[in-house]
């Protein structure tokens, strides 16, 4: 029996612990179980985050084992290795695929019937690995995808046009990585087309700024890692937003990484596409009208991911 008020975070590094901290502040769940390969780490994070509860919401935060998450409604997986000097992207994919398989095997062993939210990178590849390894229905395996990239896009557009980022409606699709694309054909500010709004703000032609914004979004992680070694606050809030959409059954549209079954002519992989999220997980993948150029970029992004998937052991 699934307890809709219970969640688990597997992997208590920077990202996992930040997600747990964000969920505590939001009061999204009444129970939260932390699991890490290093028991002392999960225990320390549970203690530290719990000490903030008097300033937040009533919640039970514990370190635990897989048996403790059998009834969790949402299982957030952030565990994985970081890329080491001299290691190729494929080497990292192979290593993290093995880690993901071992985690999913444990989740299956305890017969957890919750929704898997994959945050570990490369997220699209590992979401596909988790889906195949678990045998779960595709709606129950979701990757954090380009939800963070989309937030970065909205923020940078808002900065350029000096407008509230919450009034910006735009998204990133495709791979959470170098081949991602900005879907400019759908971008608007409070219902006003992006280019039209830019003209209202004094830009005769916004094309150069759009290109600049896209590259800044795509390269954000590299820029942050170069400066502080890791990214975790943004993805912490993005993952918490997805988890909240599940537990609140809010039918929120977000560009999560989901299994495609013919949408956009693609199948056999997970890719970030606007999807309606509720307490059943991925309720509906939205097949929206893209420009010809955007469709081609999406196919190219899918092709690059399929090439990597074909090389996994």
C-alpha atoms as a PDB file:
ATOM      1  CA  UNK A   1       0.000   0.000   0.000  1.00  0.00           C
ATOM      2  CA  UNK A   2       1.512   3.329  -1.108  1.00  0.00           C
ATOM      3  CA  UNK A   3       1.654   6.140   1.450  1.00  0.00           C
ATOM      4  CA  UNK A   4       1.185   9.307  -0.622  1.00  0.00           C
ATOM      5  CA  UNK A   5       2.742  11.357   2.188  1.00  0.00           C
ATOM      6  CA  UNK A   6       6.008   9.401   2.181  1.00  0.00           C
ATOM      7  CA  UNK A   7       9.084   9.885   0.012  1.00  0.00           C
ATOM      8  CA  UNK A   8      12.649   8.630  -0.147  1.00  0.00           C
ATOM      9  CA  UNK A   9      15.893  10.150  -1.378  1.00  0.00           C
ATOM     10  CA  UNK A  10      18.572   7.682  -2.476  1.00  0.00           C
ATOM     11  CA  UNK A  11      21.988   9.327  -2.597  1.00  0.00           C
ATOM     12  CA  UNK A  12      22.837  11.970   0.000  1.00  0.00           C
ATOM     13  CA  UNK A  13      25.475  13.966  -1.804  1.00  0.00           C
ATOM     14  CA  UNK A  14      25.102  17.670  -2.600  1.00  0.00           C
ATOM     15  CA  UNK A  15      22.055  17.124  -4.824  1.00  0.00           C
ATOM     16  CA  UNK A  16      20.249  14.530  -2.692  1.00  0.00           C
ATOM     17  CA  UNK A  17      20.692  16.426   0.561  1.00  0.00           C
ATOM     18  CA  UNK A  18      19.580  19.695  -1.079  1.00  0.00           C
ATOM     19  CA  UNK A  19      16.427  18.001  -2.402  1.00  0.00           C
ATOM     20  CA  UNK A  20      15.721  16.626   1.093  1.00  0.00           C
ATOM     21  CA  UNK A  21      16.264  20.089   2.604  1.00  0.00           C
ATOM     22  CA  UNK A  22      13.950  21.695   0.037  1.00  0.00           C
ATOM     23  CA  UNK A  23      11.223  19.111   0.653  1.00  0.00           C
ATOM     24  CA  UNK A  24      11.504  19.789   4.384  1.00  0.00           C
ATOM     25  CA  UNK A  25      11.102  23.536   3.867  1.00  0.00           C
ATOM     26  CA  UNK A  26       8.092  23.035   1.594  1.00  0.00           C
ATOM     27  CA  UNK A  27       6.455  20.515   3.932  1.00  0.00           C
ATOM     28  CA  UNK A  28       5.566  18.405   0.895  1.00  0.00           C
ATOM     29  CA  UNK A  29       5.646  15.072   2.734  1.00  0.00           C
ATOM     30  CA  UNK A  30       5.065  13.917   6.304  1.00  0.00           C
ATOM     31  CA  UNK A  31       7.763  11.203   6.079  1.00  0.00           C
ATOM     32  CA  UNK A  32      11.132  11.304   4.348  1.00  0.00           C
ATOM     33  CA  UNK A  33      13.683   8.468   4.340  1.00  0.00           C
ATOM     34  CA  UNK A  34      17.308   9.103   3.352  1.00  0.00           C
ATOM     35  CA  UNK A  35      19.523   6.320   1.991  1.00  0.00           C
ATOM     36  CA  UNK A  36      23.185   6.513   1.038  1.00  0.00           C
ATOM     37  CA  UNK A  37      25.968   4.045   0.323  1.00  0.00           C
ATOM     38  CA  UNK A  38      27.734   5.519   3.374  1.00  0.00           C
ATOM     39  CA  UNK A  39      25.478   5.013   6.392  1.00  0.00           C
ATOM     40  CA  UNK A  40      27.115   7.772   8.447  1.00  0.00           C
ATOM     41  CA  UNK A  41      26.381  10.247   5.633  1.00  0.00           C
ATOM     42  CA  UNK A  42      22.643   9.495   5.525  1.00  0.00           C
ATOM     43  CA  UNK A  43      22.457   9.636   9.310  1.00  0.00           C
ATOM     44  CA  UNK A  44      24.261  12.971   9.462  1.00  0.00           C
ATOM     45  CA  UNK A  45      22.062  14.547   6.794  1.00  0.00           C
ATOM     46  CA  UNK A  46      18.880  13.287   8.504  1.00  0.00           C
ATOM     47  CA  UNK A  47      20.025  14.759  11.810  1.00  0.00           C
ATOM     48  CA  UNK A  48      21.105  18.101  10.345  1.00  0.00           C
ATOM     49  CA  UNK A  49      17.932  18.646   8.279  1.00  0.00           C
ATOM     50  CA  UNK A  50      15.706  17.514  11.162  1.00  0.00           C
ATOM     51  CA  UNK A  51      17.177  20.216  13.371  1.00  0.00           C
ATOM     52  CA  UNK A  52      15.487  22.792  11.130  1.00  0.00           C
ATOM     53  CA  UNK A  53      12.013  21.345  11.657  1.00  0.00           C
ATOM     54  CA  UNK A  54      11.096  23.771  14.493  1.00  0.00           C
ATOM     55  CA  UNK A  55      11.328  26.522  11.859  1.00  0.00           C
ATOM     56  CA  UNK A  56       9.373  24.662   9.174  1.00  0.00           C
ATOM     57  CA  UNK A  57       6.686  21.966   9.017  1.00  0.00           C
ATOM     58  CA  UNK A  58       6.066  18.859  11.103  1.00  0.00           C
ATOM     59  CA  UNK A  59       7.804  15.966   9.381  1.00  0.00           C
ATOM     60  CA  UNK A  60       9.601  12.702  10.177  1.00  0.00           C
ATOM     61  CA  UNK A  61      13.063  12.600   8.561  1.00  0.00           C
ATOM     62  CA  UNK A  62      15.076   9.416   9.096  1.00  0.00           C
ATOM     63  CA  UNK A  63      18.042   7.500   7.765  1.00  0.00           C
ATOM     64  CA  UNK A  64      16.949   4.034   6.679  1.00  0.00           C
ATOM     65  CA  UNK A  65      17.310   0.950   4.551  1.00  0.00           C
ATOM     66  CA  UNK A  66      15.450  -0.144   1.437  1.00  0.00           C
ATOM     67  CA  UNK A  67      12.901  -2.040   3.519  1.00  0.00           C
ATOM     68  CA  UNK A  68      11.851   1.334   4.968  1.00  0.00           C
ATOM     69  CA  UNK A  69      10.790   2.704   1.578  1.00  0.00           C
ATOM     70  CA  UNK A  70       8.513  -0.120   0.419  1.00  0.00           C
ATOM     71  CA  UNK A  71       5.453   2.126   0.851  1.00  0.00           C
ATOM     72  CA  UNK A  72       7.017   5.380  -0.396  1.00  0.00           C
ATOM     73  CA  UNK A  73       4.938   7.216  -3.002  1.00  0.00           C
ATOM     74  CA  UNK A  74       7.982   8.910  -4.564  1.00  0.00           C
ATOM     75  CA  UNK A  75      11.544   7.559  -4.670  1.00  0.00           C
ATOM     76  CA  UNK A  76      14.049  10.202  -5.754  1.00  0.00           C
ATOM     77  CA  UNK A  77      17.340   8.743  -7.016  1.00  0.00           C
ATOM     78  CA  UNK A  78      20.367  11.031  -7.117  1.00  0.00           C
ATOM     79  CA  UNK A  79      23.131   8.479  -6.513  1.00  0.00           C
ATOM     80  CA  UNK A  80      25.965   8.240  -9.020  1.00  0.00           C
ATOM     81  CA  UNK A  81      29.647   8.776  -9.638  1.00  0.00           C
ATOM     82  CA  UNK A  82      31.227  12.018 -10.813  1.00  0.00           C
ATOM     83  CA  UNK A  83      33.404  12.151 -13.910  1.00  0.00           C
ATOM     84  CA  UNK A  84      37.097  11.735 -13.128  1.00  0.00           C
ATOM     85  CA  UNK A  85      40.092  13.139 -15.058  1.00  0.00           C
ATOM     86  CA  UNK A  86      40.793  11.001 -18.117  1.00  0.00           C
ATOM     87  CA  UNK A  87      37.363   9.353 -17.947  1.00  0.00           C
ATOM     88  CA  UNK A  88      35.133   9.543 -21.025  1.00  0.00           C
ATOM     89  CA  UNK A  89      31.421  10.325 -20.943  1.00  0.00           C
ATOM     90  CA  UNK A  90      30.730   6.714 -21.933  1.00  0.00           C
ATOM     91  CA  UNK A  91      32.887   5.452 -19.055  1.00  0.00           C
ATOM     92  CA  UNK A  92      30.757   7.518 -16.688  1.00  0.00           C
ATOM     93  CA  UNK A  93      27.545   6.273 -18.315  1.00  0.00           C
ATOM     94  CA  UNK A  94      28.660   2.655 -17.887  1.00  0.00           C
ATOM     95  CA  UNK A  95      29.560   3.205 -14.239  1.00  0.00           C
ATOM     96  CA  UNK A  96      26.350   5.056 -13.347  1.00  0.00           C
ATOM     97  CA  UNK A  97      24.219   2.575 -15.277  1.00  0.00           C
ATOM     98  CA  UNK A  98      25.571  -0.195 -13.052  1.00  0.00           C
ATOM     99  CA  UNK A  99      24.843   1.906  -9.949  1.00  0.00           C
ATOM    100  CA  UNK A 100      21.310   2.627 -11.186  1.00  0.00           C
ATOM    101  CA  UNK A 101      20.638  -1.043 -11.896  1.00  0.00           C
ATOM    102  CA  UNK A 102      21.776  -2.053  -8.404  1.00  0.00           C
ATOM    103  CA  UNK A 103      19.497   0.582  -6.793  1.00  0.00           C
ATOM    104  CA  UNK A 104      16.488  -0.385  -8.904  1.00  0.00           C
ATOM    105  CA  UNK A 105      17.059  -4.057  -8.066  1.00  0.00           C
ATOM    106  CA  UNK A 106      16.805  -3.171  -4.361  1.00  0.00           C
ATOM    107  CA  UNK A 107      13.633  -1.159  -4.959  1.00  0.00           C
ATOM    108  CA  UNK A 108      12.119  -4.147  -6.762  1.00  0.00           C
ATOM    109  CA  UNK A 109      13.247  -6.500  -3.990  1.00  0.00           C
ATOM    110  CA  UNK A 110      11.204  -4.630  -1.374  1.00  0.00           C
ATOM    111  CA  UNK A 111       8.258  -4.430  -3.813  1.00  0.00           C
ATOM    112  CA  UNK A 112       8.021  -0.642  -3.760  1.00  0.00           C
ATOM    113  CA  UNK A 113       5.074   0.534  -5.873  1.00  0.00           C
ATOM    114  CA  UNK A 114       5.905   4.230  -5.843  1.00  0.00           C
ATOM    115  CA  UNK A 115       7.023   6.524  -8.639  1.00  0.00           C
ATOM    116  CA  UNK A 116      10.731   6.689  -9.472  1.00  0.00           C
ATOM    117  CA  UNK A 117      12.097  10.192 -10.011  1.00  0.00           C
ATOM    118  CA  UNK A 118      15.564   9.931 -11.551  1.00  0.00           C
ATOM    119  CA  UNK A 119      17.893  12.880 -11.024  1.00  0.00           C
ATOM    120  CA  UNK A 120      21.282  11.156 -11.483  1.00  0.00           C
ATOM    121  CA  UNK A 121      23.189  12.138 -14.636  1.00  0.00           C
ATOM    122  CA  UNK A 122      23.138  11.578 -17.540  1.00  0.00           C
ATOM    123  CA  UNK A 123      19.482  11.725 -16.579  1.00  0.00           C
ATOM    124  CA  UNK A 124      17.858  10.733 -19.888  1.00  0.00           C
ATOM    125  CA  UNK A 125      20.070   7.653 -20.235  1.00  0.00           C
ATOM    126  CA  UNK A 126      19.640   6.606 -16.611  1.00  0.00           C
ATOM    127  CA  UNK A 127      15.860   7.108 -16.745  1.00  0.00           C
ATOM    128  CA  UNK A 128      15.769   4.649 -19.650  1.00  0.00           C
ATOM    129  CA  UNK A 129      18.004   2.234 -17.705  1.00  0.00           C
ATOM    130  CA  UNK A 130      15.740   2.490 -14.636  1.00  0.00           C
ATOM    131  CA  UNK A 131      12.645   1.924 -16.775  1.00  0.00           C
ATOM    132  CA  UNK A 132      14.058  -1.195 -18.414  1.00  0.00           C
ATOM    133  CA  UNK A 133      15.556  -2.615 -15.214  1.00  0.00           C
ATOM    134  CA  UNK A 134      12.436  -2.016 -13.107  1.00  0.00           C
ATOM    135  CA  UNK A 135       9.845  -3.271 -15.569  1.00  0.00           C
ATOM    136  CA  UNK A 136       7.548  -0.578 -14.129  1.00  0.00           C
ATOM    137  CA  UNK A 137       4.844   1.024 -16.295  1.00  0.00           C
ATOM    138  CA  UNK A 138       6.417   3.947 -18.136  1.00  0.00           C
ATOM    139  CA  UNK A 139       4.315   6.520 -16.270  1.00  0.00           C
ATOM    140  CA  UNK A 140       6.006   5.480 -12.996  1.00  0.00           C
ATOM    141  CA  UNK A 141       9.575   6.247 -14.147  1.00  0.00           C
ATOM    142  CA  UNK A 142      10.335   9.933 -14.676  1.00  0.00           C
ATOM    143  CA  UNK A 143      13.586  11.829 -15.071  1.00  0.00           C
ATOM    144  CA  UNK A 144      14.097  15.401 -13.864  1.00  0.00           C
ATOM    145  CA  UNK A 145      14.954  16.126 -17.489  1.00  0.00           C
ATOM    146  CA  UNK A 146      15.129  19.763 -18.571  1.00  0.00           C
ATOM    147  CA  UNK A 147      13.015  21.186 -15.742  1.00  0.00           C
ATOM    148  CA  UNK A 148      16.083  22.992 -14.375  1.00  0.00           C
ATOM    149  CA  UNK A 149      17.213  24.070 -17.859  1.00  0.00           C
ATOM    150  CA  UNK A 150      13.731  25.509 -18.390  1.00  0.00           C
ATOM    151  CA  UNK A 151      13.963  27.467 -15.129  1.00  0.00           C
ATOM    152  CA  UNK A 152      17.328  28.832 -16.264  1.00  0.00           C
ATOM    153  CA  UNK A 153      15.778  29.828 -19.600  1.00  0.00           C
ATOM    154  CA  UNK A 154      12.904  31.661 -17.912  1.00  0.00           C
ATOM    155  CA  UNK A 155      15.269  33.423 -15.539  1.00  0.00           C
ATOM    156  CA  UNK A 156      17.640  34.621 -18.279  1.00  0.00           C
ATOM    157  CA  UNK A 157      14.772  35.828 -20.496  1.00  0.00           C
ATOM    158  CA  UNK A 158      13.347  37.719 -17.514  1.00  0.00           C
ATOM    159  CA  UNK A 159      16.717  39.341 -16.846  1.00  0.00           C
ATOM    160  CA  UNK A 160      17.135  40.410 -20.444  1.00  0.00           C
ATOM    161  CA  UNK A 161      13.602  41.848 -20.712  1.00  0.00           C
ATOM    162  CA  UNK A 162      13.373  43.118 -17.119  1.00  0.00           C
ATOM    163  CA  UNK A 163      10.161  41.234 -16.340  1.00  0.00           C
ATOM    164  CA  UNK A 164       9.034  38.835 -13.605  1.00  0.00           C
ATOM    165  CA  UNK A 165      10.356  35.334 -14.435  1.00  0.00           C
ATOM    166  CA  UNK A 166       6.994  33.888 -13.356  1.00  0.00           C
ATOM    167  CA  UNK A 167       5.404  35.668 -16.337  1.00  0.00           C
ATOM    168  CA  UNK A 168       7.809  33.953 -18.759  1.00  0.00           C
ATOM    169  CA  UNK A 169       6.431  30.848 -20.487  1.00  0.00           C
ATOM    170  CA  UNK A 170       9.116  28.955 -22.390  1.00  0.00           C
ATOM    171  CA  UNK A 171      10.864  25.606 -22.165  1.00  0.00           C
ATOM    172  CA  UNK A 172      13.886  23.528 -23.098  1.00  0.00           C
ATOM    173  CA  UNK A 173      13.324  20.099 -24.696  1.00  0.00           C
ATOM    174  CA  UNK A 174      15.442  17.145 -25.776  1.00  0.00           C
ATOM    175  CA  UNK A 175      18.495  15.904 -23.939  1.00  0.00           C
ATOM    176  CA  UNK A 176      19.447  17.388 -20.581  1.00  0.00           C
ATOM    177  CA  UNK A 177      22.821  18.227 -22.049  1.00  0.00           C
ATOM    178  CA  UNK A 178      24.655  19.711 -25.006  1.00  0.00           C
ATOM    179  CA  UNK A 179      22.059  18.766 -27.658  1.00  0.00           C
ATOM    180  CA  UNK A 180      19.081  20.310 -25.866  1.00  0.00           C
ATOM    181  CA  UNK A 181      16.961  22.874 -27.711  1.00  0.00           C
ATOM    182  CA  UNK A 182      15.021  25.975 -26.755  1.00  0.00           C
ATOM    183  CA  UNK A 183      11.486  25.802 -28.176  1.00  0.00           C
ATOM    184  CA  UNK A 184      11.287  29.446 -29.194  1.00  0.00           C
ATOM    185  CA  UNK A 185       8.176  28.926 -31.327  1.00  0.00           C
ATOM    186  CA  UNK A 186       6.100  28.508 -28.129  1.00  0.00           C
ATOM    187  CA  UNK A 187       7.824  31.158 -25.975  1.00  0.00           C
ATOM    188  CA  UNK A 188       5.688  34.014 -24.693  1.00  0.00           C
ATOM    189  CA  UNK A 189       5.448  36.552 -21.897  1.00  0.00           C
ATOM    190  CA  UNK A 190       1.991  36.447 -20.299  1.00  0.00           C
ATOM    191  CA  UNK A 191       0.503  35.345 -23.624  1.00  0.00           C
ATOM    192  CA  UNK A 192       2.433  37.890 -25.720  1.00  0.00           C
ATOM    193  CA  UNK A 193       4.814  36.280 -28.212  1.00  0.00           C
ATOM    194  CA  UNK A 194       8.461  36.584 -27.147  1.00  0.00           C
ATOM    195  CA  UNK A 195       9.598  38.695 -30.127  1.00  0.00           C
ATOM    196  CA  UNK A 196       6.524  40.951 -29.853  1.00  0.00           C
ATOM    197  CA  UNK A 197       7.142  41.474 -26.143  1.00  0.00           C
ATOM    198  CA  UNK A 198      10.820  42.184 -26.838  1.00  0.00           C
ATOM    199  CA  UNK A 199       9.777  44.924 -29.276  1.00  0.00           C
ATOM    200  CA  UNK A 200       7.566  46.415 -26.585  1.00  0.00           C
ATOM    201  CA  UNK A 201      10.686  46.513 -24.382  1.00  0.00           C
ATOM    202  CA  UNK A 202      12.768  48.305 -27.023  1.00  0.00           C
ATOM    203  CA  UNK A 203      14.392  45.446 -28.977  1.00  0.00           C
ATOM    204  CA  UNK A 204      13.947  45.819 -32.757  1.00  0.00           C
ATOM    205  CA  UNK A 205      15.354  42.314 -33.290  1.00  0.00           C
ATOM    206  CA  UNK A 206      15.727  39.868 -30.393  1.00  0.00           C
ATOM    207  CA  UNK A 207      17.491  37.089 -32.367  1.00  0.00           C
ATOM    208  CA  UNK A 208      21.009  37.727 -31.105  1.00  0.00           C
ATOM    209  CA  UNK A 209      19.754  37.887 -27.526  1.00  0.00           C
ATOM    210  CA  UNK A 210      17.843  34.604 -27.976  1.00  0.00           C
ATOM    211  CA  UNK A 211      20.989  32.880 -29.227  1.00  0.00           C
ATOM    212  CA  UNK A 212      22.979  34.307 -26.316  1.00  0.00           C
ATOM    213  CA  UNK A 213      20.339  33.135 -23.815  1.00  0.00           C
ATOM    214  CA  UNK A 214      20.242  29.613 -25.284  1.00  0.00           C
ATOM    215  CA  UNK A 215      24.010  29.164 -25.059  1.00  0.00           C
ATOM    216  CA  UNK A 216      24.029  30.545 -21.515  1.00  0.00           C
ATOM    217  CA  UNK A 217      21.362  28.005 -20.510  1.00  0.00           C
ATOM    218  CA  UNK A 218      23.141  25.114 -22.218  1.00  0.00           C
ATOM    219  CA  UNK A 219      26.481  25.968 -20.624  1.00  0.00           C
ATOM    220  CA  UNK A 220      25.165  26.972 -17.173  1.00  0.00           C
ATOM    221  CA  UNK A 221      26.263  23.782 -15.416  1.00  0.00           C
ATOM    222  CA  UNK A 222      29.806  24.086 -16.815  1.00  0.00           C
ATOM    223  CA  UNK A 223      30.009  27.708 -15.671  1.00  0.00           C
ATOM    224  CA  UNK A 224      28.755  26.926 -12.152  1.00  0.00           C
ATOM    225  CA  UNK A 225      30.951  23.838 -11.737  1.00  0.00           C
ATOM    226  CA  UNK A 226      33.999  25.843 -12.827  1.00  0.00           C
ATOM    227  CA  UNK A 227      33.260  28.403 -10.117  1.00  0.00           C
ATOM    228  CA  UNK A 228      32.039  26.290  -7.167  1.00  0.00           C
ATOM    229  CA  UNK A 229      32.603  22.651  -8.075  1.00  0.00           C
ATOM    230  CA  UNK A 230      28.995  21.433  -8.324  1.00  0.00           C
ATOM    231  CA  UNK A 231      25.386  22.487  -8.950  1.00  0.00           C
ATOM    232  CA  UNK A 232      22.709  21.573  -6.431  1.00  0.00           C
ATOM    233  CA  UNK A 233      20.401  24.431  -5.367  1.00  0.00           C
ATOM    234  CA  UNK A 234      18.608  24.793  -8.710  1.00  0.00           C
ATOM    235  CA  UNK A 235      18.172  21.057  -9.272  1.00  0.00           C
ATOM    236  CA  UNK A 236      17.124  20.665  -5.628  1.00  0.00           C
ATOM    237  CA  UNK A 237      14.213  23.032  -6.183  1.00  0.00           C
ATOM    238  CA  UNK A 238      13.387  21.551  -9.601  1.00  0.00           C
ATOM    239  CA  UNK A 239      13.185  17.982  -8.262  1.00  0.00           C
ATOM    240  CA  UNK A 240      11.114  19.134  -5.292  1.00  0.00           C
ATOM    241  CA  UNK A 241       8.704  20.833  -7.716  1.00  0.00           C
ATOM    242  CA  UNK A 242       8.199  17.575  -9.630  1.00  0.00           C
ATOM    243  CA  UNK A 243       7.692  15.622  -6.385  1.00  0.00           C
ATOM    244  CA  UNK A 244       5.178  18.230  -5.243  1.00  0.00           C
ATOM    245  CA  UNK A 245       3.223  17.886  -8.505  1.00  0.00           C
ATOM    246  CA  UNK A 246       2.980  14.145  -7.850  1.00  0.00           C
ATOM    247  CA  UNK A 247       1.883  14.296  -4.206  1.00  0.00           C
ATOM    248  CA  UNK A 248      -0.525  17.216  -4.778  1.00  0.00           C
ATOM    249  CA  UNK A 249      -1.918  15.592  -7.949  1.00  0.00           C
ATOM    250  CA  UNK A 250      -1.715  19.045  -9.501  1.00  0.00           C
ATOM    251  CA  UNK A 251      -1.574  17.967 -13.184  1.00  0.00           C
ATOM    252  CA  UNK A 252       1.393  20.279 -13.700  1.00  0.00           C
ATOM    253  CA  UNK A 253       3.022  20.586 -17.135  1.00  0.00           C
ATOM    254  CA  UNK A 254       6.815  20.238 -16.928  1.00  0.00           C
ATOM    255  CA  UNK A 255       9.479  19.055 -19.426  1.00  0.00           C
ATOM    256  CA  UNK A 256      10.484  15.854 -17.630  1.00  0.00           C
ATOM    257  CA  UNK A 257      12.364  12.966 -19.204  1.00  0.00           C
ATOM    258  CA  UNK A 258       9.807  10.327 -20.150  1.00  0.00           C
ATOM    259  CA  UNK A 259       9.623   7.206 -22.292  1.00  0.00           C
ATOM    260  CA  UNK A 260       8.471   8.019 -25.818  1.00  0.00           C
ATOM    261  CA  UNK A 261       6.208   5.668 -27.736  1.00  0.00           C
ATOM    262  CA  UNK A 262       5.825   7.241 -31.157  1.00  0.00           C
ATOM    263  CA  UNK A 263       5.478  10.869 -30.040  1.00  0.00           C
ATOM    264  CA  UNK A 264       7.358  13.126 -32.479  1.00  0.00           C
ATOM    265  CA  UNK A 265       8.181   9.949 -34.411  1.00  0.00           C
ATOM    266  CA  UNK A 266      10.481   8.769 -31.601  1.00  0.00           C
ATOM    267  CA  UNK A 267      10.494   5.633 -29.466  1.00  0.00           C
ATOM    268  CA  UNK A 268      12.819   3.407 -27.461  1.00  0.00           C
ATOM    269  CA  UNK A 269      14.324   6.193 -25.353  1.00  0.00           C
ATOM    270  CA  UNK A 270      13.573   8.764 -22.666  1.00  0.00           C
ATOM    271  CA  UNK A 271      13.699  12.408 -23.647  1.00  0.00           C
ATOM    272  CA  UNK A 272      12.546  15.671 -22.069  1.00  0.00           C
ATOM    273  CA  UNK A 273       9.140  16.660 -23.428  1.00  0.00           C
ATOM    274  CA  UNK A 274       6.353  18.762 -21.814  1.00  0.00           C
ATOM    275  CA  UNK A 275       4.356  16.237 -19.793  1.00  0.00           C
ATOM    276  CA  UNK A 276       1.359  16.426 -17.425  1.00  0.00           C
ATOM    277  CA  UNK A 277       2.407  15.187 -13.966  1.00  0.00           C
ATOM    278  CA  UNK A 278       0.017  13.981 -11.245  1.00  0.00           C
ATOM    279  CA  UNK A 279      -0.199  11.277  -8.597  1.00  0.00           C
ATOM    280  CA  UNK A 280      -0.059   8.539 -11.242  1.00  0.00           C
ATOM    281  CA  UNK A 281       3.234   9.972 -12.505  1.00  0.00           C
ATOM    282  CA  UNK A 282       3.544  10.932 -16.166  1.00  0.00           C
ATOM    283  CA  UNK A 283      -0.132  11.237 -17.110  1.00  0.00           C
ATOM    284  CA  UNK A 284       0.276  12.451 -20.682  1.00  0.00           C
ATOM    285  CA  UNK A 285       3.187  13.321 -22.952  1.00  0.00           C
ATOM    286  CA  UNK A 286       2.148  16.417 -24.899  1.00  0.00           C
ATOM    287  CA  UNK A 287       2.801  16.283 -28.632  1.00  0.00           C
ATOM    288  CA  UNK A 288       2.814  19.957 -29.525  1.00  0.00           C
ATOM    289  CA  UNK A 289       3.479  21.768 -32.791  1.00  0.00           C
ATOM    290  CA  UNK A 290       7.168  22.503 -33.234  1.00  0.00           C
ATOM    291  CA  UNK A 291       8.791  24.384 -36.063  1.00  0.00           C
ATOM    292  CA  UNK A 292      10.581  22.282 -38.719  1.00  0.00           C
ATOM    293  CA  UNK A 293      13.931  23.416 -37.337  1.00  0.00           C
ATOM    294  CA  UNK A 294      12.937  22.456 -33.785  1.00  0.00           C
ATOM    295  CA  UNK A 295      11.706  19.031 -34.924  1.00  0.00           C
ATOM    296  CA  UNK A 296      15.019  18.413 -36.649  1.00  0.00           C
ATOM    297  CA  UNK A 297      16.964  19.451 -33.536  1.00  0.00           C
ATOM    298  CA  UNK A 298      14.808  17.149 -31.396  1.00  0.00           C
ATOM    299  CA  UNK A 299      15.471  14.213 -33.730  1.00  0.00           C
ATOM    300  CA  UNK A 300      19.187  14.995 -33.674  1.00  0.00           C
ATOM    301  CA  UNK A 301      19.163  15.107 -29.866  1.00  0.00           C
ATOM    302  CA  UNK A 302      17.356  11.749 -29.767  1.00  0.00           C
ATOM    303  CA  UNK A 303      19.879  10.279 -32.199  1.00  0.00           C
ATOM    304  CA  UNK A 304      22.787  11.230 -29.956  1.00  0.00           C
ATOM    305  CA  UNK A 305      21.116   9.633 -26.926  1.00  0.00           C
ATOM    306  CA  UNK A 306      20.302   6.434 -28.846  1.00  0.00           C
ATOM    307  CA  UNK A 307      23.946   6.167 -29.868  1.00  0.00           C
ATOM    308  CA  UNK A 308      24.992   6.237 -26.207  1.00  0.00           C
ATOM    309  CA  UNK A 309      22.234   3.782 -25.208  1.00  0.00           C
ATOM    310  CA  UNK A 310      23.427   1.316 -27.841  1.00  0.00           C
ATOM    311  CA  UNK A 311      26.873   1.216 -26.203  1.00  0.00           C
ATOM    312  CA  UNK A 312      25.751   0.489 -22.639  1.00  0.00           C
ATOM    313  CA  UNK A 313      26.594  -2.995 -21.383  1.00  0.00           C
END
